[in-house]
Amino acid sequence: MSTIRLTMSQALVRYLMNQFTVVDGAEVPLFPGIFGIFGHGNVTCLSEALEAVKDVFPTWRGQNEQSMALAAIAFAKAKRRRQIMVATSSIGPGATNMVTAASVAHSNRLPLLILSGDTFVNRRPDPVMQQVEHFGNPSINVNDAFKAVTRYWDRIMHPEQIISSLPQAVAIMLDPADCGPAFIGLPQDIQEVAWDYPARFFDKTVHEIPRARPDRKRVAEALKLLKAAKRPLIIAGGGTRYSGAEEVVAQFALDHCIPITETIAGKSTVPHDHPAYAGPIGIVGSTSANALGAEADVIVAIGTRLMDFTTGSWTLFNHEARFISINAARWDATKHRALAVVGDAKETVEELAAALKGWKADAAWTKMAKGLMTEWNAALDGYQKPTNAPVPTYAQVVGVVNKKAEPRDYVLTAAGGLPGETMKNWHGL
């Protein structure tokens, strides 16, 4: 077996550089680069490995560990989870600054690879600067805090362990069902250890996101529910976008005259002027979508975890309504007594569409949806109409930015009331 002798840090970086993915038909690096703040735990070994490849695997120095990890999360979301950024920090409070970011990635099902320095396995230099010491258990350090907010957690205690750990971390981050942040702790003295790694470990690998097809029996049950529906409604969540199912879902809604609404994560699944679009739904949603939610008898939830903002804490829907939950994640699909159709959104909707040819929802329901959307658009025009007031409203500000935006632009908002105002007032492009 051919081997390559490298330090553990060098091997880790080389492995990451040889991972690729497919975006819009083109091969691109799975890990385009790394955000880093260097200190105790990652400055002498990992930084050396990164410096040697800076021209092909760039390192961007952050000013705060939390902000660079949050930037990495935003990148992953913009790339529809097809590409992943890395964030690295020293051991101690520098690492814990990223716990909040890891929690953001975990709760929003977004990939992020965190590489944190870790305390010496041999404990000879203990304590290093800013090492948090647990008097009763010296095997615990701040990196254990990441266990609660990551999908994958490991601490490398021997250089050979990355051979199994890194592929598992990549698999988790690319899994549509289990997607989330991965954490790998890198003890300082293990980073420098050289090892004869199998050359095959560094082979170029091209990853494509798997598209799990749904169970045929569950699809048949979903078809039965839909065909019996008088007032069906679609809720498109973030999973619709991550699946690349926007056009399929939009056409499905149009062909079968089913009003389509969006969650926060599903915003811009369809253009605002799409004939079947009925507005954003939920607490920060539109009067049109919420009125339809209260009347719907079958709700097709596509790629959404049906959180409280979407459901109005379950005050929004008719108690007799049936839910069909199409989701790559079993955990999300089986919530709230829904008929769980576990599978990729695009694959599942295409299968439903093929079997529903010729079927359409009741014409009166479609007419009601269009009427409600007309009223909602009139309300939006009123909210965003310029006035002579000395201070503009949120709605007016969102409206102006919206008019200036191009289809490839992204809008970022602060916390507070602005996300809700953007959800309501932004006309998806």
Protein backbone atom coordinates (compact mmCIF):
# COMPACT_ATOMS: atom_id res chain seq x y z
CA MET A 1 0.00 0.00 0.00
CA SER A 2 1.36 3.39 -1.00
CA THR A 3 1.64 5.86 1.86
CA ILE A 4 2.37 9.55 2.36
CA ARG A 5 4.06 10.76 5.53
CA LEU A 6 2.47 13.93 6.84
CA THR A 7 1.72 15.55 10.15
CA MET A 8 -1.86 15.16 11.25
CA SER A 9 -2.54 18.83 10.44
CA GLN A 10 -1.05 18.52 6.98
CA ALA A 11 -3.08 15.38 6.30
CA LEU A 12 -6.30 17.04 7.48
CA VAL A 13 -5.78 20.04 5.20
CA ARG A 14 -4.84 17.86 2.22
CA TYR A 15 -7.98 15.75 2.72
CA LEU A 16 -10.24 18.81 2.82
CA MET A 17 -8.65 20.18 -0.34
CA ASN A 18 -9.43 16.98 -2.24
CA GLN A 19 -13.17 17.06 -1.53
CA PHE A 20 -15.33 18.41 -4.34
CA THR A 21 -19.02 18.82 -5.05
CA VAL A 22 -21.25 19.63 -8.01
CA VAL A 23 -22.96 23.02 -8.26
CA ASP A 24 -24.97 23.86 -11.40
CA GLY A 25 -23.28 21.02 -13.25
CA ALA A 26 -19.72 22.12 -12.45
CA GLU A 27 -17.23 20.59 -10.03
CA VAL A 28 -16.23 23.02 -7.29
CA PRO A 29 -14.35 22.62 -3.99
CA LEU A 30 -16.56 21.32 -1.22
CA PHE A 31 -14.51 23.44 1.20
CA PRO A 32 -13.63 26.71 -0.58
CA GLY A 33 -11.61 28.04 2.35
CA ILE A 34 -11.29 28.56 6.07
CA PHE A 35 -11.91 31.37 8.55
CA GLY A 36 -9.35 31.38 11.33
CA ILE A 37 -8.10 33.07 14.47
CA PHE A 38 -4.84 31.52 15.59
CA GLY A 39 -3.50 31.02 19.09
CA HIS A 40 -2.88 28.25 21.59
CA GLY A 41 -3.99 25.07 19.89
CA ASN A 42 -3.85 25.89 16.19
CA VAL A 43 -1.04 28.36 15.50
CA THR A 44 2.05 26.16 15.25
CA CYS A 45 0.72 23.14 13.36
CA LEU A 46 -2.58 23.77 11.64
CA SER A 47 -1.53 27.26 10.56
CA GLU A 48 1.70 25.84 9.13
CA ALA A 49 -0.30 23.39 7.03
CA LEU A 50 -2.67 26.14 5.87
CA GLU A 51 0.11 28.59 5.04
CA ALA A 52 1.68 26.11 2.66
CA VAL A 53 -1.50 25.93 0.53
CA LYS A 54 -2.80 29.47 0.92
CA ASP A 55 -2.97 30.03 -2.84
CA VAL A 56 -5.43 27.17 -3.43
CA PHE A 57 -7.08 26.84 -0.01
CA PRO A 58 -7.36 30.41 1.28
CA THR A 59 -7.46 31.39 4.94
CA TRP A 60 -9.41 34.48 5.97
CA ARG A 61 -8.48 35.85 9.37
CA GLY A 62 -11.48 36.71 11.49
CA GLN A 63 -11.73 39.37 14.20
CA ASN A 64 -14.11 37.36 16.37
CA GLU A 65 -14.64 33.62 16.40
CA GLN A 66 -18.42 33.85 16.55
CA SER A 67 -18.71 36.26 13.63
CA MET A 68 -16.47 34.20 11.35
CA ALA A 69 -18.45 31.03 12.12
CA LEU A 70 -21.72 32.87 11.48
CA ALA A 71 -20.32 34.11 8.17
CA ALA A 72 -19.50 30.49 7.30
CA ILE A 73 -23.11 29.52 8.06
CA ALA A 74 -24.45 32.31 5.85
CA PHE A 75 -22.20 31.06 3.05
CA ALA A 76 -23.57 27.52 3.40
CA LYS A 77 -27.15 28.78 3.28
CA ALA A 78 -26.47 30.91 0.22
CA LYS A 79 -24.93 27.87 -1.46
CA ARG A 80 -27.98 25.72 -0.64
CA ARG A 81 -25.78 23.46 1.55
CA ARG A 82 -23.72 22.44 -1.51
CA GLN A 83 -20.49 24.04 -0.24
CA ILE A 84 -19.16 24.29 3.31
CA MET A 85 -16.84 26.75 5.02
CA VAL A 86 -14.45 25.84 7.83
CA ALA A 87 -13.82 27.84 11.01
CA THR A 88 -10.84 27.31 13.31
CA SER A 89 -9.92 28.77 16.68
CA SER A 90 -7.59 28.25 19.61
CA ILE A 91 -8.58 26.34 22.73
CA GLY A 92 -10.40 28.10 25.57
CA PRO A 93 -12.76 31.11 25.35
CA GLY A 94 -11.82 31.51 21.69
CA ALA A 95 -13.43 28.17 20.98
CA THR A 96 -16.50 28.81 23.09
CA ASN A 97 -17.17 31.97 21.08
CA MET A 98 -18.26 29.58 18.32
CA VAL A 99 -20.76 27.64 20.44
CA THR A 100 -23.50 30.14 19.62
CA ALA A 101 -22.74 29.83 15.92
CA ALA A 102 -22.80 26.04 16.17
CA SER A 103 -26.24 26.33 17.76
CA VAL A 104 -27.44 28.51 14.87
CA ALA A 105 -26.20 25.95 12.36
CA HIS A 106 -27.72 23.06 14.33
CA SER A 107 -31.17 24.62 14.71
CA ASN A 108 -31.27 25.65 11.06
CA ARG A 109 -29.94 22.37 9.63
CA LEU A 110 -26.91 24.06 8.06
CA PRO A 111 -23.40 22.62 7.57
CA LEU A 112 -20.33 24.11 9.26
CA LEU A 113 -16.99 22.46 10.00
CA ILE A 114 -15.42 23.66 13.24
CA LEU A 115 -11.78 22.79 13.89
CA SER A 116 -10.78 23.84 17.37
CA GLY A 117 -7.44 23.58 19.07
CA ASP A 118 -7.52 21.24 22.05
CA THR A 119 -5.44 20.71 25.17
CA PHE A 120 -2.33 18.55 25.15
CA VAL A 121 -3.05 14.84 25.33
CA ASN A 122 0.18 14.31 27.30
CA ARG A 123 -0.82 17.13 29.71
CA ARG A 124 2.83 18.05 30.17
CA PRO A 125 2.37 21.81 29.55
CA ASP A 126 -0.94 22.04 31.45
CA PRO A 127 -2.39 24.49 32.00
CA VAL A 128 -1.86 26.42 28.80
CA MET A 129 -3.00 30.02 28.58
CA GLN A 130 -6.77 30.39 29.04
CA GLN A 131 -7.27 26.66 29.52
CA VAL A 132 -10.44 26.09 31.53
CA GLU A 133 -9.58 23.53 34.20
CA HIS A 134 -12.13 21.19 35.75
CA PHE A 135 -10.64 20.21 39.08
CA GLY A 136 -12.53 16.93 39.41
CA ASN A 137 -12.25 15.78 35.78
CA PRO A 138 -9.15 16.86 33.82
CA SER A 139 -10.41 15.09 30.68
CA ILE A 140 -13.12 17.75 30.26
CA ASN A 141 -12.41 21.04 28.54
CA VAL A 142 -14.43 23.76 26.84
CA ASN A 143 -14.68 21.79 23.60
CA ASP A 144 -17.07 19.40 25.30
CA ALA A 145 -19.58 22.26 25.23
CA PHE A 146 -20.00 21.68 21.49
CA LYS A 147 -21.51 18.23 22.02
CA ALA A 148 -24.98 19.64 22.60
CA VAL A 149 -25.01 21.83 19.48
CA THR A 150 -23.31 19.74 16.78
CA ARG A 151 -24.42 16.79 14.69
CA TYR A 152 -20.97 15.25 14.80
CA TRP A 153 -18.32 15.63 17.51
CA ASP A 154 -14.89 14.07 17.78
CA ARG A 155 -11.55 14.66 19.47
CA ILE A 156 -8.50 13.33 17.62
CA MET A 157 -6.31 11.45 20.10
CA HIS A 158 -4.12 9.72 17.50
CA PRO A 159 -3.14 10.98 14.02
CA GLU A 160 -4.63 7.92 12.33
CA GLN A 161 -8.11 8.71 13.64
CA ILE A 162 -8.81 11.36 11.01
CA ILE A 163 -9.01 8.55 8.45
CA SER A 164 -12.37 7.57 9.92
CA SER A 165 -13.42 10.87 11.48
CA LEU A 166 -13.20 13.23 8.50
CA PRO A 167 -15.36 11.14 6.11
CA GLN A 168 -18.01 10.80 8.82
CA ALA A 169 -18.03 14.55 9.41
CA VAL A 170 -18.40 15.22 5.67
CA ALA A 171 -21.19 12.64 5.37
CA ILE A 172 -23.18 14.26 8.18
CA MET A 173 -22.80 17.76 6.76
CA LEU A 174 -23.98 16.65 3.31
CA ASP A 175 -26.84 14.44 4.50
CA PRO A 176 -30.19 16.11 3.69
CA ALA A 177 -31.77 14.49 6.77
CA ASP A 178 -28.99 14.91 9.35
CA CYS A 179 -27.34 18.06 8.02
CA GLY A 180 -25.75 20.28 10.63
CA PRO A 181 -22.43 21.41 12.09
CA ALA A 182 -19.51 19.07 12.70
CA PHE A 183 -16.85 19.65 15.35
CA ILE A 184 -13.38 18.15 15.50
CA GLY A 185 -11.04 18.89 18.41
CA LEU A 186 -7.33 18.93 17.54
CA PRO A 187 -5.04 18.45 20.56
CA GLN A 188 -1.90 20.51 20.17
CA ASP A 189 0.59 17.70 20.54
CA ILE A 190 -1.31 15.35 18.18
CA GLN A 191 -1.42 17.93 15.37
CA GLU A 192 2.36 17.75 14.99
CA VAL A 193 2.66 13.95 14.97
CA ALA A 194 3.68 12.54 11.59
CA TRP A 195 2.03 9.40 10.27
CA ASP A 196 2.19 7.27 7.15
CA TYR A 197 -1.25 7.91 5.66
CA PRO A 198 -2.64 5.71 2.85
CA ALA A 199 -2.29 7.64 -0.39
CA ARG A 200 -5.86 6.67 -1.29
CA PHE A 201 -7.11 8.75 1.64
CA PHE A 202 -6.23 11.84 -0.40
CA ASP A 203 -7.84 10.74 -3.66
CA LYS A 204 -10.07 13.34 -5.26
CA THR A 205 -13.65 12.70 -4.16
CA VAL A 206 -16.68 14.30 -5.82
CA HIS A 207 -19.75 14.40 -3.58
CA GLU A 208 -23.30 14.70 -4.87
CA ILE A 209 -26.20 15.24 -2.49
CA PRO A 210 -28.26 12.03 -2.35
CA ARG A 211 -31.92 12.21 -3.31
CA ALA A 212 -33.82 9.63 -1.32
CA ARG A 213 -37.05 8.56 -3.02
CA PRO A 214 -40.16 8.11 -0.86
CA ASP A 215 -41.81 4.87 0.13
CA ARG A 216 -44.38 3.89 -2.51
CA LYS A 217 -47.05 3.06 0.05
CA ARG A 218 -46.72 6.46 1.69
CA VAL A 219 -46.95 8.14 -1.70
CA ALA A 220 -50.14 6.20 -2.41
CA GLU A 221 -51.60 7.33 0.92
CA ALA A 222 -50.67 10.92 0.16
CA LEU A 223 -52.34 10.68 -3.25
CA LYS A 224 -55.49 9.34 -1.65
CA LEU A 225 -55.63 12.26 0.78
CA LEU A 226 -54.98 14.82 -1.95
CA LYS A 227 -57.58 13.44 -4.34
CA ALA A 228 -60.19 13.65 -1.59
CA ALA A 229 -59.22 17.22 -0.66
CA LYS A 230 -61.49 20.15 -1.41
CA ARG A 231 -59.23 22.87 -0.04
CA PRO A 232 -55.57 21.73 -0.30
CA LEU A 233 -52.72 24.08 0.59
CA ILE A 234 -48.95 23.88 0.07
CA ILE A 235 -46.44 25.17 2.62
CA ALA A 236 -42.97 25.40 1.06
CA GLY A 237 -40.11 25.39 3.57
CA GLY A 238 -36.36 25.68 3.38
CA GLY A 239 -36.04 22.04 2.34
CA THR A 240 -37.74 22.95 -0.93
CA ARG A 241 -34.88 25.29 -1.73
CA TYR A 242 -32.12 22.95 -0.52
CA SER A 243 -33.56 20.24 -2.75
CA GLY A 244 -33.63 22.58 -5.74
CA ALA A 245 -37.33 21.81 -6.03
CA GLU A 246 -38.63 25.36 -6.53
CA GLU A 247 -39.63 24.97 -10.17
CA VAL A 248 -41.13 21.52 -9.60
CA VAL A 249 -43.21 22.72 -6.63
CA ALA A 250 -44.29 25.86 -8.48
CA GLN A 251 -45.45 23.84 -11.48
CA PHE A 252 -47.16 21.27 -9.24
CA ALA A 253 -49.16 24.04 -7.55
CA LEU A 254 -50.06 25.58 -10.91
CA ASP A 255 -51.09 22.32 -12.60
CA HIS A 256 -53.33 21.24 -9.73
CA CYS A 257 -54.62 24.67 -8.69
CA ILE A 258 -53.22 24.39 -5.15
CA PRO A 259 -52.36 27.68 -3.42
CA ILE A 260 -48.73 27.83 -2.36
CA THR A 261 -47.45 29.57 0.78
CA GLU A 262 -43.95 29.92 2.24
CA THR A 263 -42.17 29.72 5.56
CA ILE A 264 -39.33 32.04 6.58
CA ALA A 265 -36.72 29.56 5.33
CA GLY A 266 -38.76 28.92 2.20
CA LYS A 267 -39.07 32.59 1.29
CA SER A 268 -38.65 33.19 -2.47
CA THR A 269 -39.48 29.59 -3.36
CA VAL A 270 -41.71 31.13 -6.03
CA PRO A 271 -41.87 34.67 -7.45
CA HIS A 272 -44.38 36.97 -5.82
CA ASP A 273 -46.36 37.16 -9.06
CA HIS A 274 -46.65 33.38 -9.50
CA PRO A 275 -50.35 32.60 -10.23
CA ALA A 276 -50.62 30.08 -7.38
CA TYR A 277 -48.72 32.13 -4.79
CA ALA A 278 -50.79 33.04 -1.74
CA GLY A 279 -48.18 34.78 0.43
CA PRO A 280 -46.01 33.90 3.42
CA ILE A 281 -47.71 31.97 6.20
CA GLY A 282 -47.60 32.12 9.98
CA ILE A 283 -47.07 34.63 12.77
CA VAL A 284 -45.03 36.92 10.51
CA GLY A 285 -47.01 35.94 7.43
CA SER A 286 -49.78 37.43 5.30
CA THR A 287 -53.50 37.71 5.90
CA SER A 288 -54.05 35.83 2.65
CA ALA A 289 -51.99 32.73 3.53
CA ASN A 290 -53.22 32.64 7.10
CA ALA A 291 -56.85 32.84 6.03
CA LEU A 292 -56.29 29.91 3.67
CA GLY A 293 -54.52 27.98 6.43
CA ALA A 294 -57.58 28.29 8.63
CA GLU A 295 -59.80 26.84 5.88
CA ALA A 296 -57.56 24.19 4.34
CA ASP A 297 -58.55 20.54 4.75
CA VAL A 298 -55.27 19.00 3.50
CA ILE A 299 -51.94 20.74 3.99
CA VAL A 300 -48.89 19.59 2.04
CA ALA A 301 -45.86 20.65 4.08
CA ILE A 302 -42.76 20.42 1.88
CA GLY A 303 -39.35 20.64 3.51
CA THR A 304 -40.52 22.42 6.66
CA ARG A 305 -40.16 21.47 10.31
CA LEU A 306 -43.43 23.26 11.10
CA MET A 307 -42.07 25.47 13.84
CA ASP A 308 -44.27 27.80 15.90
CA PHE A 309 -43.76 30.82 13.63
CA THR A 310 -45.22 28.78 10.74
CA THR A 311 -48.10 27.20 12.63
CA GLY A 312 -48.98 30.09 14.94
CA SER A 313 -48.26 27.65 17.77
CA TRP A 314 -50.93 25.45 16.17
CA THR A 315 -53.66 28.09 16.33
CA LEU A 316 -53.61 28.71 12.58
CA PHE A 317 -55.13 25.55 11.13
CA ASN A 318 -58.48 23.82 11.24
CA HIS A 319 -58.30 21.06 13.84
CA GLU A 320 -59.75 18.63 11.31
CA ALA A 321 -57.11 19.38 8.70
CA ARG A 322 -54.81 16.55 7.60
CA PHE A 323 -51.10 17.07 7.05
CA ILE A 324 -48.90 15.44 4.44
CA SER A 325 -45.32 16.12 5.47
CA ILE A 326 -42.72 15.66 2.72
CA ASN A 327 -39.28 15.83 4.26
CA ALA A 328 -35.87 14.23 3.86
CA ALA A 329 -35.65 14.02 7.66
CA ARG A 330 -37.78 11.39 9.39
CA TRP A 331 -37.71 13.52 12.56
CA ASP A 332 -39.41 16.44 10.83
CA ALA A 333 -41.75 14.38 8.65
CA THR A 334 -43.35 12.57 11.58
CA LYS A 335 -44.22 15.66 13.62
CA HIS A 336 -47.76 16.58 14.61
CA ARG A 337 -49.45 13.36 13.48
CA ALA A 338 -48.72 14.13 9.83
CA LEU A 339 -48.66 11.48 7.14
CA ALA A 340 -44.88 11.19 6.91
CA VAL A 341 -43.57 10.94 3.36
CA VAL A 342 -39.84 10.68 3.95
CA GLY A 343 -37.89 11.59 0.86
CA ASP A 344 -36.28 14.29 -1.23
CA ALA A 345 -38.68 17.14 -2.00
CA LYS A 346 -38.00 17.24 -5.73
CA GLU A 347 -38.22 13.45 -6.17
CA THR A 348 -41.39 13.20 -4.11
CA VAL A 349 -43.28 16.07 -5.73
CA GLU A 350 -42.38 14.81 -9.19
CA GLU A 351 -43.78 11.40 -8.25
CA LEU A 352 -46.97 12.92 -6.88
CA ALA A 353 -47.35 15.10 -9.98
CA ALA A 354 -47.05 12.12 -12.33
CA ALA A 355 -49.84 10.31 -10.49
CA LEU A 356 -52.13 13.35 -10.16
CA LYS A 357 -52.38 14.23 -13.85
CA GLY A 358 -55.80 15.64 -14.62
CA TRP A 359 -56.75 16.27 -10.98
CA LYS A 360 -57.31 19.83 -9.79
CA ALA A 361 -58.52 21.41 -6.59
CA ASP A 362 -61.98 22.91 -6.39
CA ALA A 363 -62.30 26.04 -8.57
CA ALA A 364 -64.00 27.97 -5.76
CA TRP A 365 -60.96 27.36 -3.53
CA THR A 366 -58.60 28.67 -6.19
CA LYS A 367 -60.81 31.71 -6.73
CA MET A 368 -60.83 32.40 -2.98
CA ALA A 369 -57.01 32.23 -2.86
CA LYS A 370 -56.64 34.66 -5.76
CA GLY A 371 -59.09 37.08 -4.16
CA LEU A 372 -57.26 36.99 -0.82
CA MET A 373 -53.92 37.55 -2.56
CA THR A 374 -55.32 40.56 -4.43
CA GLU A 375 -56.39 42.05 -1.10
CA TRP A 376 -52.98 41.32 0.42
CA ASN A 377 -51.16 42.98 -2.49
CA ALA A 378 -53.33 46.07 -2.07
CA ALA A 379 -52.46 46.14 1.64
CA LEU A 380 -48.74 45.85 0.82
CA ASP A 381 -48.99 48.76 -1.60
CA GLY A 382 -50.56 50.80 1.15
CA TYR A 383 -47.92 49.88 3.73
CA GLN A 384 -45.08 50.73 1.35
CA LYS A 385 -46.56 53.92 -0.12
CA PRO A 386 -44.25 56.91 0.42
CA THR A 387 -45.40 59.52 2.93
CA ASN A 388 -44.06 62.81 4.20
CA ALA A 389 -43.34 61.34 7.63
CA PRO A 390 -39.88 62.29 8.97
CA VAL A 391 -38.99 58.64 9.64
CA PRO A 392 -39.89 55.83 7.18
CA THR A 393 -41.58 52.67 8.35
CA TYR A 394 -39.98 49.23 8.16
CA ALA A 395 -42.39 48.38 5.34
CA GLN A 396 -41.30 51.40 3.34
CA VAL A 397 -37.60 50.64 3.83
CA VAL A 398 -38.08 47.00 2.80
CA GLY A 399 -40.06 48.12 -0.23
CA VAL A 400 -37.33 50.47 -1.44
CA VAL A 401 -34.58 47.88 -1.00
CA ASN A 402 -36.77 45.28 -2.72
CA LYS A 403 -37.22 47.50 -5.77
CA LYS A 404 -33.44 47.98 -6.07
CA ALA A 405 -32.63 44.27 -5.67
CA GLU A 406 -31.68 41.99 -8.52
CA PRO A 407 -32.59 38.27 -8.72
CA ARG A 408 -29.08 37.23 -7.59
CA ASP A 409 -29.02 39.55 -4.56
CA TYR A 410 -29.41 38.52 -0.93
CA VAL A 411 -31.02 40.54 1.83
CA LEU A 412 -29.80 40.31 5.43
CA THR A 413 -31.75 41.67 8.38
CA ALA A 414 -31.03 42.27 12.02
CA ALA A 415 -33.07 40.64 14.78
CA GLY A 416 -36.20 42.17 16.28
CA GLY A 417 -39.13 43.28 14.16
CA LEU A 418 -37.28 43.62 10.86
CA PRO A 419 -37.24 39.88 9.93
CA GLY A 420 -41.03 39.79 10.18
CA GLU A 421 -41.40 42.98 8.18
CA THR A 422 -39.10 41.58 5.51
CA MET A 423 -41.01 38.32 5.44
CA LYS A 424 -44.27 40.16 4.80
CA ASN A 425 -43.13 43.00 2.60
CA TRP A 426 -40.43 41.40 0.41
CA HIS A 427 -41.70 40.39 -3.00
CA GLY A 428 -39.79 37.19 -3.73
CA LEU A 429 -37.85 37.41 -6.99
